[in-house]
Structures are given as C-alpha cells and as structure tokens.
PDB file of all heavy atoms in Angstrom:
ATOM      1  N   PRO A   1      88.197  30.717 -71.532  1.00  0.00           N
ATOM      2  CA  PRO A   1      87.901  32.098 -71.948  1.00  0.00           C
ATOM      3  C   PRO A   1      86.921  32.735 -70.967  1.00  0.00           C
ATOM      4  O   PRO A   1      85.968  32.096 -70.525  1.00  0.00           O
ATOM      5  CB  PRO A   1      87.275  31.908 -73.330  1.00  0.00           C
ATOM      6  CG  PRO A   1      87.831  30.610 -73.825  1.00  0.00           C
ATOM      7  CD  PRO A   1      87.942  29.747 -72.597  1.00  0.00           C
ATOM      8  N   TYR A   2      87.179  33.989 -70.626  1.00  0.00           N
ATOM      9  CA  TYR A   2      86.371  34.604 -69.567  1.00  0.00           C
ATOM     10  C   TYR A   2      84.891  34.700 -69.918  1.00  0.00           C
ATOM     11  O   TYR A   2      84.025  34.706 -69.046  1.00  0.00           O
ATOM     12  CB  TYR A   2      86.924  35.979 -69.194  1.00  0.00           C
ATOM     13  CG  TYR A   2      86.943  37.009 -70.309  1.00  0.00           C
ATOM     14  CD1 TYR A   2      85.807  37.722 -70.652  1.00  0.00           C
ATOM     15  CD2 TYR A   2      88.116  37.277 -70.995  1.00  0.00           C
ATOM     16  CE1 TYR A   2      85.822  38.671 -71.663  1.00  0.00           C
ATOM     17  CE2 TYR A   2      88.157  38.218 -72.008  1.00  0.00           C
ATOM     18  CZ  TYR A   2      87.009  38.923 -72.353  1.00  0.00           C
ATOM     19  OH  TYR A   2      87.031  39.863 -73.348  1.00  0.00           O
ATOM     20  N   ASP A   3      84.577  34.728 -71.237  1.00  0.00           N
ATOM     21  CA  ASP A   3      83.157  34.835 -71.594  1.00  0.00           C
ATOM     22  C   ASP A   3      82.419  33.496 -71.464  1.00  0.00           C
ATOM     23  O   ASP A   3      81.201  33.433 -71.679  1.00  0.00           O
ATOM     24  CB  ASP A   3      82.998  35.392 -73.012  1.00  0.00           C
ATOM     25  CG  ASP A   3      83.717  34.565 -74.071  1.00  0.00           C
ATOM     26  OD1 ASP A   3      84.341  33.542 -73.709  1.00  0.00           O
ATOM     27  OD2 ASP A   3      83.653  34.930 -75.259  1.00  0.00           O
ATOM     28  N   LYS A   4      83.148  32.431 -71.102  1.00  0.00           N
ATOM     29  CA  LYS A   4      82.501  31.121 -70.886  1.00  0.00           C
ATOM     30  C   LYS A   4      82.351  30.787 -69.401  1.00  0.00           C
ATOM     31  O   LYS A   4      81.757  29.761 -69.067  1.00  0.00           O
ATOM     32  CB  LYS A   4      83.315  30.022 -71.572  1.00  0.00           C
ATOM     33  CG  LYS A   4      83.299  30.101 -73.103  1.00  0.00           C
ATOM     34  CD  LYS A   4      84.005  28.900 -73.705  1.00  0.00           C
ATOM     35  CE  LYS A   4      83.946  28.933 -75.231  1.00  0.00           C
ATOM     36  NZ  LYS A   4      84.605  27.737 -75.823  1.00  0.00           N
ATOM     37  N   VAL A   5      82.919  31.626 -68.535  1.00  0.00           N
ATOM     38  CA  VAL A   5      82.932  31.317 -67.107  1.00  0.00           C
ATOM     39  C   VAL A   5      81.522  31.344 -66.523  1.00  0.00           C
ATOM     40  O   VAL A   5      81.175  30.513 -65.675  1.00  0.00           O
ATOM     41  CB  VAL A   5      83.861  32.285 -66.346  1.00  0.00           C
ATOM     42  CG1 VAL A   5      83.800  32.018 -64.850  1.00  0.00           C
ATOM     43  CG2 VAL A   5      85.285  32.152 -66.845  1.00  0.00           C
ATOM     44  N   ALA A   6      80.683  32.270 -66.965  1.00  0.00           N
ATOM     45  CA  ALA A   6      79.318  32.369 -66.419  1.00  0.00           C
ATOM     46  C   ALA A   6      78.543  31.075 -66.665  1.00  0.00           C
ATOM     47  O   ALA A   6      77.875  30.551 -65.760  1.00  0.00           O
ATOM     48  CB  ALA A   6      78.590  33.556 -67.043  1.00  0.00           C
ATOM     49  N   ALA A   7      78.618  30.533 -67.882  1.00  0.00           N
ATOM     50  CA  ALA A   7      77.903  29.296 -68.203  1.00  0.00           C
ATOM     51  C   ALA A   7      78.463  28.127 -67.399  1.00  0.00           C
ATOM     52  O   ALA A   7      77.714  27.248 -66.931  1.00  0.00           O
ATOM     53  CB  ALA A   7      78.005  29.013 -69.702  1.00  0.00           C
ATOM     54  N   PHE A   8      79.785  28.118 -67.215  1.00  0.00           N
ATOM     55  CA  PHE A   8      80.409  27.053 -66.433  1.00  0.00           C
ATOM     56  C   PHE A   8      79.932  27.102 -64.984  1.00  0.00           C
ATOM     57  O   PHE A   8      79.612  26.069 -64.387  1.00  0.00           O
ATOM     58  CB  PHE A   8      81.935  27.190 -66.489  1.00  0.00           C
ATOM     59  CG  PHE A   8      82.662  26.226 -65.613  1.00  0.00           C
ATOM     60  CD1 PHE A   8      82.789  24.886 -65.958  1.00  0.00           C
ATOM     61  CD2 PHE A   8      83.207  26.640 -64.398  1.00  0.00           C
ATOM     62  CE1 PHE A   8      83.442  23.987 -65.133  1.00  0.00           C
ATOM     63  CE2 PHE A   8      83.869  25.749 -63.568  1.00  0.00           C
ATOM     64  CZ  PHE A   8      83.986  24.417 -63.938  1.00  0.00           C
ATOM     65  N   LEU A   9      79.882  28.295 -64.411  1.00  0.00           N
ATOM     66  CA  LEU A   9      79.419  28.434 -63.016  1.00  0.00           C
ATOM     67  C   LEU A   9      77.971  27.976 -62.871  1.00  0.00           C
ATOM     68  O   LEU A   9      77.588  27.406 -61.837  1.00  0.00           O
ATOM     69  CB  LEU A   9      79.558  29.880 -62.564  1.00  0.00           C
ATOM     70  CG  LEU A   9      80.892  30.286 -61.931  1.00  0.00           C
ATOM     71  CD1 LEU A   9      80.850  31.743 -61.514  1.00  0.00           C
ATOM     72  CD2 LEU A   9      81.199  29.420 -60.721  1.00  0.00           C
ATOM     73  N   LYS A  10      77.167  28.239 -63.879  1.00  0.00           N
ATOM     74  CA  LYS A  10      75.757  27.815 -63.834  1.00  0.00           C
ATOM     75  C   LYS A  10      75.677  26.289 -63.716  1.00  0.00           C
ATOM     76  O   LYS A  10      74.882  25.744 -62.935  1.00  0.00           O
ATOM     77  CB  LYS A  10      75.040  28.298 -65.090  1.00  0.00           C
ATOM     78  CG  LYS A  10      73.543  28.072 -65.063  1.00  0.00           C
ATOM     79  CD  LYS A  10      72.869  28.674 -66.289  1.00  0.00           C
ATOM     80  CE  LYS A  10      71.364  28.436 -66.255  1.00  0.00           C
ATOM     81  NZ  LYS A  10      70.710  29.014 -67.470  1.00  0.00           N
ATOM     82  N   GLU A  11      76.530  25.586 -64.474  1.00  0.00           N
ATOM     83  CA  GLU A  11      76.574  24.122 -64.390  1.00  0.00           C
ATOM     84  C   GLU A  11      77.127  23.679 -63.037  1.00  0.00           C
ATOM     85  O   GLU A  11      76.664  22.707 -62.441  1.00  0.00           O
ATOM     86  CB  GLU A  11      77.451  23.566 -65.510  1.00  0.00           C
ATOM     87  CG  GLU A  11      76.823  23.600 -66.886  1.00  0.00           C
ATOM     88  CD  GLU A  11      75.562  22.730 -66.963  1.00  0.00           C
ATOM     89  OE1 GLU A  11      75.630  21.576 -66.489  1.00  0.00           O
ATOM     90  OE2 GLU A  11      74.532  23.215 -67.459  1.00  0.00           O
ATOM     91  N   LEU A  12      78.133  24.398 -62.560  1.00  0.00           N
ATOM     92  CA  LEU A  12      78.790  24.042 -61.301  1.00  0.00           C
ATOM     93  C   LEU A  12      77.828  24.119 -60.123  1.00  0.00           C
ATOM     94  O   LEU A  12      77.919  23.336 -59.169  1.00  0.00           O
ATOM     95  CB  LEU A  12      79.989  24.983 -61.083  1.00  0.00           C
ATOM     96  CG  LEU A  12      81.003  24.607 -60.000  1.00  0.00           C
ATOM     97  CD1 LEU A  12      81.639  23.262 -60.287  1.00  0.00           C
ATOM     98  CD2 LEU A  12      82.063  25.691 -59.893  1.00  0.00           C
ATOM     99  N   ARG A  13      76.876  25.055 -60.191  1.00  0.00           N
ATOM    100  CA  ARG A  13      75.928  25.246 -59.080  1.00  0.00           C
ATOM    101  C   ARG A  13      74.802  24.209 -59.049  1.00  0.00           C
ATOM    102  O   ARG A  13      74.043  24.172 -58.081  1.00  0.00           O
ATOM    103  CB  ARG A  13      75.331  26.650 -59.142  1.00  0.00           C
ATOM    104  CG  ARG A  13      76.291  27.759 -58.758  1.00  0.00           C
ATOM    105  CD  ARG A  13      75.542  29.080 -58.544  1.00  0.00           C
ATOM    106  NE  ARG A  13      74.972  29.579 -59.776  1.00  0.00           N
ATOM    107  CZ  ARG A  13      75.537  30.500 -60.562  1.00  0.00           C
ATOM    108  NH1 ARG A  13      76.708  31.022 -60.224  1.00  0.00           N
ATOM    109  NH2 ARG A  13      74.935  30.907 -61.654  1.00  0.00           N
ATOM    110  N   LYS A  14      74.714  23.389 -60.068  1.00  0.00           N
ATOM    111  CA  LYS A  14      73.607  22.438 -60.132  1.00  0.00           C
ATOM    112  C   LYS A  14      73.712  21.350 -59.058  1.00  0.00           C
ATOM    113  O   LYS A  14      72.711  20.737 -58.697  1.00  0.00           O
ATOM    114  CB  LYS A  14      73.558  21.795 -61.525  1.00  0.00           C
ATOM    115  CG  LYS A  14      73.033  22.741 -62.596  1.00  0.00           C
ATOM    116  CD  LYS A  14      72.917  22.056 -63.946  1.00  0.00           C
ATOM    117  CE  LYS A  14      72.314  22.981 -64.978  1.00  0.00           C
ATOM    118  NZ  LYS A  14      72.207  22.326 -66.319  1.00  0.00           N
ATOM    119  N   ARG A  15      74.912  21.085 -58.601  1.00  0.00           N
ATOM    120  CA  ARG A  15      75.120  20.118 -57.522  1.00  0.00           C
ATOM    121  C   ARG A  15      75.979  20.760 -56.451  1.00  0.00           C
ATOM    122  O   ARG A  15      76.656  21.754 -56.700  1.00  0.00           O
ATOM    123  CB  ARG A  15      75.793  18.854 -58.053  1.00  0.00           C
ATOM    124  CG  ARG A  15      74.893  18.024 -58.965  1.00  0.00           C
ATOM    125  CD  ARG A  15      75.669  16.938 -59.682  1.00  0.00           C
ATOM    126  NE  ARG A  15      76.409  16.091 -58.749  1.00  0.00           N
ATOM    127  CZ  ARG A  15      77.380  15.257 -59.128  1.00  0.00           C
ATOM    128  NH1 ARG A  15      77.726  15.178 -60.396  1.00  0.00           N
ATOM    129  NH2 ARG A  15      78.000  14.519 -58.243  1.00  0.00           N
ATOM    130  N   GLU A  16      75.932  20.160 -55.253  1.00  0.00           N
ATOM    131  CA  GLU A  16      76.688  20.760 -54.145  1.00  0.00           C
ATOM    132  C   GLU A  16      77.615  19.720 -53.509  1.00  0.00           C
ATOM    133  O   GLU A  16      77.220  18.588 -53.231  1.00  0.00           O
ATOM    134  CB  GLU A  16      75.741  21.314 -53.083  1.00  0.00           C
ATOM    135  CG  GLU A  16      76.472  22.049 -51.964  1.00  0.00           C
ATOM    136  CD  GLU A  16      75.499  22.642 -50.949  1.00  0.00           C
ATOM    137  OE1 GLU A  16      75.053  21.887 -50.048  1.00  0.00           O
ATOM    138  OE2 GLU A  16      75.190  23.835 -51.060  1.00  0.00           O
ATOM    139  N   SER A  17      78.836  20.142 -53.293  1.00  0.00           N
ATOM    140  CA  SER A  17      79.831  19.359 -52.566  1.00  0.00           C
ATOM    141  C   SER A  17      80.897  20.342 -52.117  1.00  0.00           C
ATOM    142  O   SER A  17      80.961  21.476 -52.597  1.00  0.00           O
ATOM    143  CB  SER A  17      80.450  18.266 -53.460  1.00  0.00           C
ATOM    144  OG  SER A  17      81.195  18.858 -54.515  1.00  0.00           O
ATOM    145  N   PHE A  18      81.760  19.914 -51.227  1.00  0.00           N
ATOM    146  CA  PHE A  18      82.830  20.819 -50.788  1.00  0.00           C
ATOM    147  C   PHE A  18      83.755  21.180 -51.951  1.00  0.00           C
ATOM    148  O   PHE A  18      84.244  22.302 -52.043  1.00  0.00           O
ATOM    149  CB  PHE A  18      83.639  20.193 -49.651  1.00  0.00           C
ATOM    150  CG  PHE A  18      83.017  20.398 -48.293  1.00  0.00           C
ATOM    151  CD1 PHE A  18      82.668  19.333 -47.489  1.00  0.00           C
ATOM    152  CD2 PHE A  18      82.783  21.692 -47.816  1.00  0.00           C
ATOM    153  CE1 PHE A  18      82.092  19.523 -46.232  1.00  0.00           C
ATOM    154  CE2 PHE A  18      82.215  21.900 -46.568  1.00  0.00           C
ATOM    155  CZ  PHE A  18      81.873  20.813 -45.772  1.00  0.00           C
ATOM    156  N   SER A  19      83.992  20.218 -52.857  1.00  0.00           N
ATOM    157  CA  SER A  19      84.868  20.511 -53.996  1.00  0.00           C
ATOM    158  C   SER A  19      84.244  21.552 -54.912  1.00  0.00           C
ATOM    159  O   SER A  19      84.926  22.463 -55.403  1.00  0.00           O
ATOM    160  CB  SER A  19      85.187  19.229 -54.768  1.00  0.00           C
ATOM    161  OG  SER A  19      84.013  18.628 -55.277  1.00  0.00           O
ATOM    162  N   ARG A  20      82.924  21.459 -55.142  1.00  0.00           N
ATOM    163  CA  ARG A  20      82.251  22.436 -56.009  1.00  0.00           C
ATOM    164  C   ARG A  20      82.180  23.807 -55.330  1.00  0.00           C
ATOM    165  O   ARG A  20      82.353  24.839 -55.996  1.00  0.00           O
ATOM    166  CB  ARG A  20      80.845  21.941 -56.365  1.00  0.00           C
ATOM    167  CG  ARG A  20      80.860  20.800 -57.373  1.00  0.00           C
ATOM    168  CD  ARG A  20      79.497  20.220 -57.636  1.00  0.00           C
ATOM    169  NE  ARG A  20      79.563  19.195 -58.655  1.00  0.00           N
ATOM    170  CZ  ARG A  20      79.130  19.316 -59.924  1.00  0.00           C
ATOM    171  NH1 ARG A  20      78.586  20.480 -60.303  1.00  0.00           N
ATOM    172  NH2 ARG A  20      79.236  18.349 -60.783  1.00  0.00           N
ATOM    173  N   LEU A  21      81.948  23.818 -54.046  1.00  0.00           N
ATOM    174  CA  LEU A  21      81.923  25.092 -53.329  1.00  0.00           C
ATOM    175  C   LEU A  21      83.318  25.736 -53.355  1.00  0.00           C
ATOM    176  O   LEU A  21      83.450  26.947 -53.535  1.00  0.00           O
ATOM    177  CB  LEU A  21      81.484  24.872 -51.879  1.00  0.00           C
ATOM    178  CG  LEU A  21      80.009  24.523 -51.675  1.00  0.00           C
ATOM    179  CD1 LEU A  21      79.765  24.040 -50.240  1.00  0.00           C
ATOM    180  CD2 LEU A  21      79.112  25.728 -51.982  1.00  0.00           C
ATOM    181  N   ALA A  22      84.350  24.903 -53.199  1.00  0.00           N
ATOM    182  CA  ALA A  22      85.725  25.419 -53.206  1.00  0.00           C
ATOM    183  C   ALA A  22      86.078  25.986 -54.583  1.00  0.00           C
ATOM    184  O   ALA A  22      86.720  27.052 -54.667  1.00  0.00           O
ATOM    185  CB  ALA A  22      86.699  24.312 -52.831  1.00  0.00           C
ATOM    186  N   LEU A  23      85.674  25.304 -55.651  1.00  0.00           N
ATOM    187  CA  LEU A  23      85.983  25.787 -56.986  1.00  0.00           C
ATOM    188  C   LEU A  23      85.249  27.105 -57.282  1.00  0.00           C
ATOM    189  O   LEU A  23      85.829  28.038 -57.840  1.00  0.00           O
ATOM    190  CB  LEU A  23      85.619  24.733 -58.032  1.00  0.00           C
ATOM    191  CG  LEU A  23      85.956  25.071 -59.474  1.00  0.00           C
ATOM    192  CD1 LEU A  23      87.424  25.475 -59.621  1.00  0.00           C
ATOM    193  CD2 LEU A  23      85.636  23.886 -60.398  1.00  0.00           C
ATOM    194  N   ARG A  24      83.994  27.184 -56.875  1.00  0.00           N
ATOM    195  CA  ARG A  24      83.247  28.438 -57.055  1.00  0.00           C
ATOM    196  C   ARG A  24      83.928  29.581 -56.296  1.00  0.00           C
ATOM    197  O   ARG A  24      84.076  30.698 -56.809  1.00  0.00           O
ATOM    198  CB  ARG A  24      81.813  28.261 -56.563  1.00  0.00           C
ATOM    199  CG  ARG A  24      80.911  27.444 -57.507  1.00  0.00           C
ATOM    200  CD  ARG A  24      79.598  27.066 -56.837  1.00  0.00           C
ATOM    201  NE  ARG A  24      78.878  28.231 -56.307  1.00  0.00           N
ATOM    202  CZ  ARG A  24      77.836  28.149 -55.475  1.00  0.00           C
ATOM    203  NH1 ARG A  24      77.422  26.963 -55.063  1.00  0.00           N
ATOM    204  NH2 ARG A  24      77.238  29.242 -55.067  1.00  0.00           N
ATOM    205  N   PHE A  25      84.359  29.287 -55.084  1.00  0.00           N
ATOM    206  CA  PHE A  25      85.020  30.303 -54.259  1.00  0.00           C
ATOM    207  C   PHE A  25      86.349  30.743 -54.905  1.00  0.00           C
ATOM    208  O   PHE A  25      86.677  31.929 -54.919  1.00  0.00           O
ATOM    209  CB  PHE A  25      85.280  29.729 -52.856  1.00  0.00           C
ATOM    210  CG  PHE A  25      85.746  30.749 -51.865  1.00  0.00           C
ATOM    211  CD1 PHE A  25      84.882  31.720 -51.367  1.00  0.00           C
ATOM    212  CD2 PHE A  25      87.061  30.735 -51.398  1.00  0.00           C
ATOM    213  CE1 PHE A  25      85.322  32.659 -50.435  1.00  0.00           C
ATOM    214  CE2 PHE A  25      87.510  31.655 -50.470  1.00  0.00           C
ATOM    215  CZ  PHE A  25      86.633  32.635 -49.985  1.00  0.00           C
ATOM    216  N   ALA A  26      87.083  29.795 -55.468  1.00  0.00           N
ATOM    217  CA  ALA A  26      88.347  30.117 -56.131  1.00  0.00           C
ATOM    218  C   ALA A  26      88.126  31.020 -57.324  1.00  0.00           C
ATOM    219  O   ALA A  26      88.884  31.972 -57.563  1.00  0.00           O
ATOM    220  CB  ALA A  26      89.052  28.822 -56.560  1.00  0.00           C
ATOM    221  N   ILE A  27      87.084  30.739 -58.087  1.00  0.00           N
ATOM    222  CA  ILE A  27      86.795  31.557 -59.264  1.00  0.00           C
ATOM    223  C   ILE A  27      86.382  32.964 -58.856  1.00  0.00           C
ATOM    224  O   ILE A  27      86.834  33.955 -59.435  1.00  0.00           O
ATOM    225  CB  ILE A  27      85.687  30.889 -60.111  1.00  0.00           C
ATOM    226  CG1 ILE A  27      86.184  29.543 -60.661  1.00  0.00           C
ATOM    227  CG2 ILE A  27      85.256  31.813 -61.249  1.00  0.00           C
ATOM    228  CD1 ILE A  27      85.099  28.711 -61.303  1.00  0.00           C
ATOM    229  N   LEU A  28      85.550  33.062 -57.838  1.00  0.00           N
ATOM    230  CA  LEU A  28      85.069  34.382 -57.392  1.00  0.00           C
ATOM    231  C   LEU A  28      86.177  35.242 -56.794  1.00  0.00           C
ATOM    232  O   LEU A  28      86.149  36.469 -56.900  1.00  0.00           O
ATOM    233  CB  LEU A  28      83.959  34.194 -56.351  1.00  0.00           C
ATOM    234  CG  LEU A  28      82.590  33.774 -56.897  1.00  0.00           C
ATOM    235  CD1 LEU A  28      81.722  33.210 -55.793  1.00  0.00           C
ATOM    236  CD2 LEU A  28      81.908  34.977 -57.565  1.00  0.00           C
ATOM    237  N   THR A  29      87.158  34.613 -56.161  1.00  0.00           N
ATOM    238  CA  THR A  29      88.220  35.372 -55.493  1.00  0.00           C
ATOM    239  C   THR A  29      89.499  35.459 -56.319  1.00  0.00           C
ATOM    240  O   THR A  29      90.427  36.183 -55.950  1.00  0.00           O
ATOM    241  CB  THR A  29      88.576  34.724 -54.144  1.00  0.00           C
ATOM    242  OG1 THR A  29      88.964  33.344 -54.364  1.00  0.00           O
ATOM    243  CG2 THR A  29      87.389  34.784 -53.189  1.00  0.00           C
ATOM    244  N   ALA A  30      89.565  34.721 -57.443  1.00  0.00           N
ATOM    245  CA  ALA A  30      90.770  34.659 -58.281  1.00  0.00           C
ATOM    246  C   ALA A  30      91.973  34.209 -57.472  1.00  0.00           C
ATOM    247  O   ALA A  30      93.101  34.621 -57.713  1.00  0.00           O
ATOM    248  CB  ALA A  30      91.048  36.020 -58.940  1.00  0.00           C
TER     249      ALA A  30
END
C-alpha cells in the first residue's frame, strides 16, 4: 500500500548495499 512505502524506505536506508540502493532507486523512479 502506498501509505506504507515511506516507513519501508526508512528501514531500507538503515543499511547500505548495492541491492538496497537499487531498490530505493526503483521505488523513486517507478
């Protein structure tokens, strides 16, 4: 659900890897 994406991204940013950066980029660009 789109209203849960912000909280998910907050968790996603807690660690860094190419896979996490790629997923964040995919979400931001749709």
